[in-house]
Amino acid sequence: QTARVQAPAPTFQAKAVVNGEITDIDLESYRGKYVVLFFYPLDFTFVCPTEIIAFDEYLDQFRAMNTEVIGVSVDSEFCHLAWTKTARRDGGIGTIRYPLVADITKSIA
């Protein structure tokens, strides 16, 4: 299925890290809500941590607008977990309350 702007995203099921735990998520479970679905290159890089952290800092405001946030990269759920368990001062991102999805096979991207 091809993704199109202003159309529902193609559904997927994947492993993700949410609140420091590895879990399964299904995009279908977000039906009826807006979703900010963003992709970033890799964990433990200095490319996107500022934006990833900022999404978490504004998460309550997104949720007040019936909007959820989901981040996706090609790293594994284990790498996501390690990155969220690493302090920001040490190159990690700390606790993130929204899902960081593992897309190792690049089937979501």
N, C-alpha and C. Protein backbone atom coordinates (compact mmCIF):
# COMPACT_ATOMS: atom_id res chain seq x y z
N GLN A 1 0.85 -1.18 0.00
CA GLN A 1 0.00 0.00 0.00
C GLN A 1 0.89 1.24 0.00
N THR A 2 0.55 2.20 -0.80
CA THR A 2 1.32 3.42 -0.93
C THR A 2 0.81 4.48 0.03
N ALA A 3 1.73 5.15 0.72
CA ALA A 3 1.34 6.24 1.62
C ALA A 3 1.04 7.48 0.80
N ARG A 4 0.02 8.22 1.24
CA ARG A 4 -0.35 9.46 0.58
C ARG A 4 -0.60 10.52 1.64
N VAL A 5 -0.23 11.75 1.34
CA VAL A 5 -0.47 12.87 2.24
C VAL A 5 -1.97 13.03 2.45
N GLN A 6 -2.39 13.28 3.66
CA GLN A 6 -3.77 13.49 4.07
C GLN A 6 -4.64 12.24 3.91
N ALA A 7 -3.99 11.08 3.86
CA ALA A 7 -4.71 9.81 3.81
C ALA A 7 -4.21 8.96 4.96
N PRO A 8 -5.00 8.01 5.42
CA PRO A 8 -4.50 7.13 6.49
C PRO A 8 -3.21 6.43 6.07
N ALA A 9 -2.30 6.32 7.01
CA ALA A 9 -1.03 5.63 6.73
C ALA A 9 -1.29 4.14 6.58
N PRO A 10 -0.48 3.47 5.77
CA PRO A 10 -0.61 2.01 5.69
C PRO A 10 -0.41 1.41 7.09
N THR A 11 -1.25 0.48 7.47
CA THR A 11 -1.18 -0.09 8.80
C THR A 11 0.06 -0.96 8.97
N PHE A 12 0.51 -1.09 10.20
CA PHE A 12 1.65 -1.96 10.50
C PHE A 12 1.54 -2.43 11.95
N GLN A 13 2.24 -3.52 12.22
CA GLN A 13 2.43 -4.04 13.57
C GLN A 13 3.92 -4.18 13.76
N ALA A 14 4.42 -3.80 14.94
CA ALA A 14 5.86 -3.84 15.14
C ALA A 14 6.19 -3.82 16.63
N LYS A 15 7.44 -4.14 16.92
CA LYS A 15 7.98 -3.98 18.27
C LYS A 15 8.32 -2.52 18.47
N ALA A 16 8.12 -2.06 19.70
CA ALA A 16 8.42 -0.67 20.01
C ALA A 16 8.81 -0.56 21.48
N VAL A 17 9.46 0.54 21.81
CA VAL A 17 9.75 0.86 23.21
C VAL A 17 8.83 1.99 23.61
N VAL A 18 8.09 1.78 24.71
CA VAL A 18 7.18 2.80 25.25
C VAL A 18 7.40 2.84 26.76
N ASN A 19 7.69 4.01 27.27
CA ASN A 19 7.90 4.18 28.73
C ASN A 19 8.90 3.17 29.29
N GLY A 20 9.97 2.92 28.56
CA GLY A 20 11.02 2.04 29.05
C GLY A 20 10.74 0.56 28.96
N GLU A 21 9.71 0.18 28.22
CA GLU A 21 9.35 -1.24 28.07
C GLU A 21 9.23 -1.60 26.59
N ILE A 22 9.65 -2.81 26.24
CA ILE A 22 9.45 -3.31 24.88
C ILE A 22 8.04 -3.88 24.79
N THR A 23 7.32 -3.48 23.76
CA THR A 23 5.94 -3.92 23.59
C THR A 23 5.62 -4.03 22.11
N ASP A 24 4.48 -4.61 21.80
CA ASP A 24 3.99 -4.66 20.42
C ASP A 24 3.02 -3.50 20.22
N ILE A 25 3.12 -2.85 19.08
CA ILE A 25 2.10 -1.85 18.75
C ILE A 25 1.51 -2.16 17.39
N ASP A 26 0.31 -1.70 17.20
CA ASP A 26 -0.43 -1.89 15.96
C ASP A 26 -1.00 -0.52 15.60
N LEU A 27 -0.63 -0.01 14.45
CA LEU A 27 -1.11 1.31 14.05
C LEU A 27 -2.64 1.36 14.03
N GLU A 28 -3.27 0.23 13.76
CA GLU A 28 -4.73 0.17 13.72
C GLU A 28 -5.35 0.59 15.06
N SER A 29 -4.64 0.38 16.16
CA SER A 29 -5.18 0.74 17.48
C SER A 29 -5.27 2.25 17.68
N TYR A 30 -4.69 3.01 16.78
CA TYR A 30 -4.75 4.48 16.86
C TYR A 30 -5.89 5.06 16.02
N ARG A 31 -6.68 4.20 15.39
CA ARG A 31 -7.78 4.67 14.56
C ARG A 31 -8.68 5.59 15.37
N GLY A 32 -9.12 6.69 14.76
CA GLY A 32 -9.96 7.67 15.43
C GLY A 32 -9.17 8.80 16.05
N LYS A 33 -7.84 8.71 15.96
CA LYS A 33 -6.96 9.77 16.47
C LYS A 33 -6.08 10.26 15.33
N TYR A 34 -5.60 11.47 15.49
CA TYR A 34 -4.54 11.93 14.60
C TYR A 34 -3.24 11.32 15.08
N VAL A 35 -2.33 11.08 14.15
CA VAL A 35 -1.03 10.52 14.51
C VAL A 35 0.07 11.30 13.80
N VAL A 36 1.04 11.75 14.59
CA VAL A 36 2.27 12.30 14.03
C VAL A 36 3.22 11.10 13.95
N LEU A 37 3.42 10.60 12.74
CA LEU A 37 4.28 9.45 12.49
C LEU A 37 5.54 9.99 11.83
N PHE A 38 6.66 9.93 12.56
CA PHE A 38 7.89 10.49 12.00
C PHE A 38 8.98 9.43 11.97
N PHE A 39 9.89 9.61 11.06
CA PHE A 39 11.00 8.69 10.86
C PHE A 39 12.31 9.42 11.14
N TYR A 40 13.25 8.73 11.74
CA TYR A 40 14.56 9.30 11.98
C TYR A 40 15.61 8.24 11.64
N PRO A 41 16.86 8.63 11.37
CA PRO A 41 17.82 7.67 10.82
C PRO A 41 18.29 6.58 11.79
N LEU A 42 18.89 6.93 12.90
CA LEU A 42 19.47 5.93 13.80
C LEU A 42 19.50 6.45 15.22
N ASP A 43 19.49 5.52 16.18
CA ASP A 43 19.68 5.88 17.58
C ASP A 43 21.17 6.19 17.81
N PHE A 44 21.45 6.84 18.90
CA PHE A 44 22.82 7.17 19.32
C PHE A 44 23.55 8.03 18.30
N THR A 45 22.82 8.83 17.54
CA THR A 45 23.45 9.81 16.65
C THR A 45 23.02 11.19 17.12
N PHE A 46 23.68 12.20 16.62
CA PHE A 46 23.34 13.56 17.03
C PHE A 46 22.45 14.25 16.01
N VAL A 47 21.82 13.47 15.14
CA VAL A 47 20.99 14.04 14.08
C VAL A 47 19.65 14.52 14.61
N CYS A 48 18.93 13.69 15.36
CA CYS A 48 17.54 14.01 15.70
C CYS A 48 17.17 13.98 17.18
N PRO A 49 18.08 13.80 18.12
CA PRO A 49 17.61 13.67 19.50
C PRO A 49 16.87 14.90 20.01
N THR A 50 17.23 16.07 19.56
CA THR A 50 16.54 17.29 20.02
C THR A 50 15.06 17.24 19.66
N GLU A 51 14.75 16.85 18.44
CA GLU A 51 13.36 16.78 17.99
C GLU A 51 12.61 15.65 18.69
N ILE A 52 13.27 14.52 18.88
CA ILE A 52 12.64 13.38 19.55
C ILE A 52 12.28 13.75 20.99
N ILE A 53 13.19 14.41 21.67
CA ILE A 53 12.94 14.86 23.04
C ILE A 53 11.85 15.92 23.06
N ALA A 54 11.87 16.84 22.10
CA ALA A 54 10.85 17.90 22.05
C ALA A 54 9.46 17.32 21.84
N PHE A 55 9.32 16.30 20.99
CA PHE A 55 8.01 15.65 20.83
C PHE A 55 7.51 15.14 22.18
N ASP A 56 8.41 14.56 22.98
CA ASP A 56 8.01 14.06 24.29
C ASP A 56 7.63 15.21 25.23
N GLU A 57 8.37 16.29 25.18
CA GLU A 57 8.07 17.43 26.05
C GLU A 57 6.71 18.04 25.74
N TYR A 58 6.26 17.95 24.49
CA TYR A 58 4.97 18.51 24.08
C TYR A 58 3.88 17.45 23.95
N LEU A 59 4.16 16.22 24.40
CA LEU A 59 3.23 15.12 24.20
C LEU A 59 1.85 15.39 24.82
N ASP A 60 1.81 15.98 26.00
CA ASP A 60 0.52 16.27 26.62
C ASP A 60 -0.31 17.23 25.77
N GLN A 61 0.36 18.18 25.13
CA GLN A 61 -0.36 19.12 24.26
C GLN A 61 -0.87 18.41 23.01
N PHE A 62 -0.08 17.52 22.45
CA PHE A 62 -0.55 16.73 21.31
C PHE A 62 -1.78 15.91 21.71
N ARG A 63 -1.69 15.25 22.85
CA ARG A 63 -2.79 14.40 23.29
C ARG A 63 -4.05 15.21 23.58
N ALA A 64 -3.90 16.43 24.03
CA ALA A 64 -5.06 17.30 24.26
C ALA A 64 -5.79 17.60 22.95
N MET A 65 -5.09 17.43 21.83
CA MET A 65 -5.68 17.65 20.51
C MET A 65 -6.01 16.31 19.83
N ASN A 66 -6.17 15.23 20.64
CA ASN A 66 -6.50 13.91 20.11
C ASN A 66 -5.44 13.41 19.12
N THR A 67 -4.19 13.70 19.45
CA THR A 67 -3.08 13.36 18.56
C THR A 67 -2.03 12.56 19.32
N GLU A 68 -1.60 11.46 18.72
CA GLU A 68 -0.53 10.65 19.30
C GLU A 68 0.73 10.82 18.45
N VAL A 69 1.87 10.53 19.04
CA VAL A 69 3.16 10.64 18.37
C VAL A 69 3.80 9.26 18.33
N ILE A 70 4.37 8.91 17.19
CA ILE A 70 5.07 7.64 17.02
C ILE A 70 6.34 7.91 16.23
N GLY A 71 7.48 7.49 16.76
CA GLY A 71 8.75 7.61 16.05
C GLY A 71 9.18 6.26 15.51
N VAL A 72 9.82 6.25 14.35
CA VAL A 72 10.24 5.00 13.71
C VAL A 72 11.67 5.15 13.21
N SER A 73 12.50 4.13 13.44
CA SER A 73 13.82 4.08 12.82
C SER A 73 14.15 2.62 12.51
N VAL A 74 15.24 2.42 11.83
CA VAL A 74 15.64 1.07 11.42
C VAL A 74 16.42 0.32 12.50
N ASP A 75 16.57 0.93 13.66
CA ASP A 75 17.22 0.24 14.77
C ASP A 75 16.26 -0.77 15.41
N SER A 76 16.82 -1.72 16.16
CA SER A 76 16.00 -2.72 16.85
C SER A 76 15.37 -2.13 18.10
N GLU A 77 14.38 -2.85 18.61
CA GLU A 77 13.76 -2.43 19.87
C GLU A 77 14.77 -2.45 21.02
N PHE A 78 15.78 -3.32 20.92
CA PHE A 78 16.79 -3.40 21.97
C PHE A 78 17.69 -2.16 21.94
N CYS A 79 17.99 -1.69 20.76
CA CYS A 79 18.77 -0.46 20.62
C CYS A 79 17.95 0.73 21.12
N HIS A 80 16.66 0.78 20.76
CA HIS A 80 15.78 1.85 21.27
C HIS A 80 15.76 1.84 22.80
N LEU A 81 15.64 0.65 23.38
CA LEU A 81 15.58 0.54 24.83
C LEU A 81 16.88 1.05 25.46
N ALA A 82 18.01 0.66 24.90
CA ALA A 82 19.30 1.13 25.43
C ALA A 82 19.41 2.64 25.32
N TRP A 83 18.95 3.21 24.21
CA TRP A 83 19.04 4.66 24.00
C TRP A 83 18.17 5.40 25.01
N THR A 84 16.99 4.87 25.31
CA THR A 84 16.11 5.54 26.27
C THR A 84 16.58 5.34 27.71
N LYS A 85 17.39 4.33 27.94
CA LYS A 85 17.91 4.08 29.29
C LYS A 85 19.26 4.79 29.51
N THR A 86 19.76 5.45 28.48
CA THR A 86 21.01 6.20 28.59
C THR A 86 20.68 7.66 28.85
N ALA A 87 21.34 8.22 29.85
CA ALA A 87 21.09 9.63 30.20
C ALA A 87 21.44 10.55 29.04
N ARG A 88 20.74 11.65 28.95
CA ARG A 88 20.98 12.62 27.89
C ARG A 88 22.41 13.14 27.90
N ARG A 89 22.97 13.33 29.08
CA ARG A 89 24.34 13.85 29.18
C ARG A 89 25.37 12.84 28.66
N ASP A 90 24.93 11.56 28.51
CA ASP A 90 25.81 10.51 28.03
C ASP A 90 25.48 10.07 26.61
N GLY A 91 24.71 10.86 25.89
CA GLY A 91 24.39 10.55 24.50
C GLY A 91 23.08 9.82 24.29
N GLY A 92 22.30 9.63 25.36
CA GLY A 92 21.00 9.00 25.24
C GLY A 92 19.89 10.04 25.16
N ILE A 93 18.66 9.56 25.20
CA ILE A 93 17.52 10.49 25.17
C ILE A 93 16.66 10.40 26.41
N GLY A 94 16.99 9.47 27.32
CA GLY A 94 16.19 9.33 28.53
C GLY A 94 14.81 8.77 28.21
N THR A 95 13.93 8.82 29.19
CA THR A 95 12.59 8.26 29.03
C THR A 95 11.78 9.02 28.00
N ILE A 96 11.17 8.28 27.09
CA ILE A 96 10.28 8.82 26.07
C ILE A 96 8.94 8.11 26.25
N ARG A 97 7.86 8.89 26.33
CA ARG A 97 6.55 8.32 26.65
C ARG A 97 5.79 7.81 25.43
N TYR A 98 6.21 8.13 24.25
CA TYR A 98 5.52 7.66 23.05
C TYR A 98 6.34 6.54 22.42
N PRO A 99 5.75 5.74 21.54
CA PRO A 99 6.47 4.59 20.97
C PRO A 99 7.62 4.99 20.05
N LEU A 100 8.74 4.30 20.23
CA LEU A 100 9.84 4.32 19.26
C LEU A 100 9.82 2.94 18.62
N VAL A 101 9.43 2.90 17.37
CA VAL A 101 9.18 1.64 16.66
C VAL A 101 10.45 1.14 15.99
N ALA A 102 10.67 -0.17 16.07
CA ALA A 102 11.78 -0.85 15.41
C ALA A 102 11.35 -1.26 14.00
N ASP A 103 12.07 -0.80 13.01
CA ASP A 103 11.77 -1.14 11.61
C ASP A 103 13.02 -1.70 10.94
N ILE A 104 13.55 -2.77 11.51
CA ILE A 104 14.79 -3.36 11.02
C ILE A 104 14.69 -3.77 9.55
N THR A 105 13.55 -4.28 9.15
CA THR A 105 13.37 -4.76 7.77
C THR A 105 13.03 -3.62 6.80
N LYS A 106 12.85 -2.43 7.32
CA LYS A 106 12.48 -1.25 6.52
C LYS A 106 11.14 -1.43 5.80
N SER A 107 10.28 -2.26 6.36
CA SER A 107 8.98 -2.49 5.74
C SER A 107 7.99 -1.37 6.04
N ILE A 108 8.21 -0.62 7.12
CA ILE A 108 7.34 0.51 7.44
C ILE A 108 7.79 1.74 6.65
N ALA A 109 9.10 1.95 6.65
CA ALA A 109 9.66 3.10 5.92
C ALA A 109 9.45 2.91 4.44
